[in-house]
Amino acid sequence: MILDKLKELNESRSLTVLLVEQNLRAASIAHEAYVLSQGSMKYEGSPEIFADGKSIASFFFGESKAS
């Protein structure tokens, strides 16, 4: 899988990777996460808040925002 290869490159070669992805599985290899919506930054921080896959809904459906 591509995510496994990106993680391997990051760890073995200390290679920085910028990955733009809609699939939340990508957050599992991220050190930092950003959520953009309609040109605005909605979240910047740990990708761990997206582990349940439900937290992202708050950014797009008006539930409470993470900070």
Protein backbone atom coordinates (compact mmCIF):
# COMPACT_ATOMS: atom_id res chain seq x y z
CA MET A 1 0.00 0.00 0.00
CA ILE A 2 1.18 3.52 -0.77
CA LEU A 3 0.79 4.67 2.84
CA ASP A 4 3.14 1.93 4.01
CA LYS A 5 5.78 3.03 1.48
CA LEU A 6 5.44 6.68 2.50
CA LYS A 7 5.82 5.76 6.16
CA GLU A 8 8.88 3.64 5.33
CA LEU A 9 10.50 6.53 3.42
CA ASN A 10 9.78 8.92 6.25
CA GLU A 11 11.30 6.63 8.86
CA SER A 12 14.25 5.18 6.96
CA ARG A 13 15.43 8.36 5.21
CA SER A 14 14.00 11.08 7.42
CA LEU A 15 12.13 12.23 4.32
CA THR A 16 9.43 14.84 4.79
CA VAL A 17 6.25 14.02 2.90
CA LEU A 18 3.34 16.37 2.28
CA LEU A 19 0.29 14.24 1.52
CA VAL A 20 -3.02 15.80 0.53
CA GLU A 21 -5.67 13.18 1.03
CA GLN A 22 -9.39 12.89 1.69
CA ASN A 23 -9.11 9.37 3.07
CA LEU A 24 -8.77 9.50 6.86
CA ARG A 25 -6.67 6.32 6.87
CA ALA A 26 -3.79 8.58 5.82
CA ALA A 27 -3.97 10.25 9.24
CA SER A 28 -2.61 7.05 10.75
CA ILE A 29 0.87 7.83 9.42
CA ALA A 30 0.75 11.60 9.89
CA HIS A 31 2.66 13.60 12.46
CA GLU A 32 0.53 16.70 11.87
CA ALA A 33 -2.96 17.18 10.39
CA TYR A 34 -4.72 20.12 8.76
CA VAL A 35 -8.36 20.43 7.77
CA LEU A 36 -9.22 22.98 5.11
CA SER A 37 -12.76 23.84 4.11
CA GLN A 38 -13.73 26.40 1.50
CA GLY A 39 -10.30 28.00 1.72
CA SER A 40 -10.25 28.30 5.50
CA MET A 41 -8.14 26.40 8.01
CA LYS A 42 -10.56 24.56 10.29
CA TYR A 43 -8.04 22.51 12.27
CA GLU A 44 -4.29 22.24 12.75
CA GLY A 45 -2.76 19.75 15.16
CA SER A 46 -2.56 16.10 16.07
CA PRO A 47 -4.15 13.63 13.64
CA GLU A 48 -5.19 11.47 16.60
CA ILE A 49 -8.55 13.25 16.90
CA PHE A 50 -9.53 11.64 13.58
CA ALA A 51 -8.85 8.08 14.69
CA ASP A 52 -12.55 7.36 15.17
CA GLY A 53 -13.46 8.74 11.74
CA LYS A 54 -16.37 10.66 13.25
CA SER A 55 -14.60 13.79 14.48
CA ILE A 56 -14.10 15.06 10.94
CA ALA A 57 -17.88 15.44 10.63
CA SER A 58 -17.75 18.30 13.12
CA PHE A 59 -15.74 20.38 10.66
CA PHE A 60 -18.21 19.93 7.83
CA PHE A 61 -21.60 19.49 9.46
CA GLY A 62 -21.47 22.21 12.11
CA GLU A 63 -20.93 20.14 15.22
CA SER A 64 -18.43 21.42 17.82
CA LYS A 65 -15.04 22.43 16.45
CA ALA A 66 -11.79 20.94 17.73
CA SER A 67 -9.01 23.35 18.56
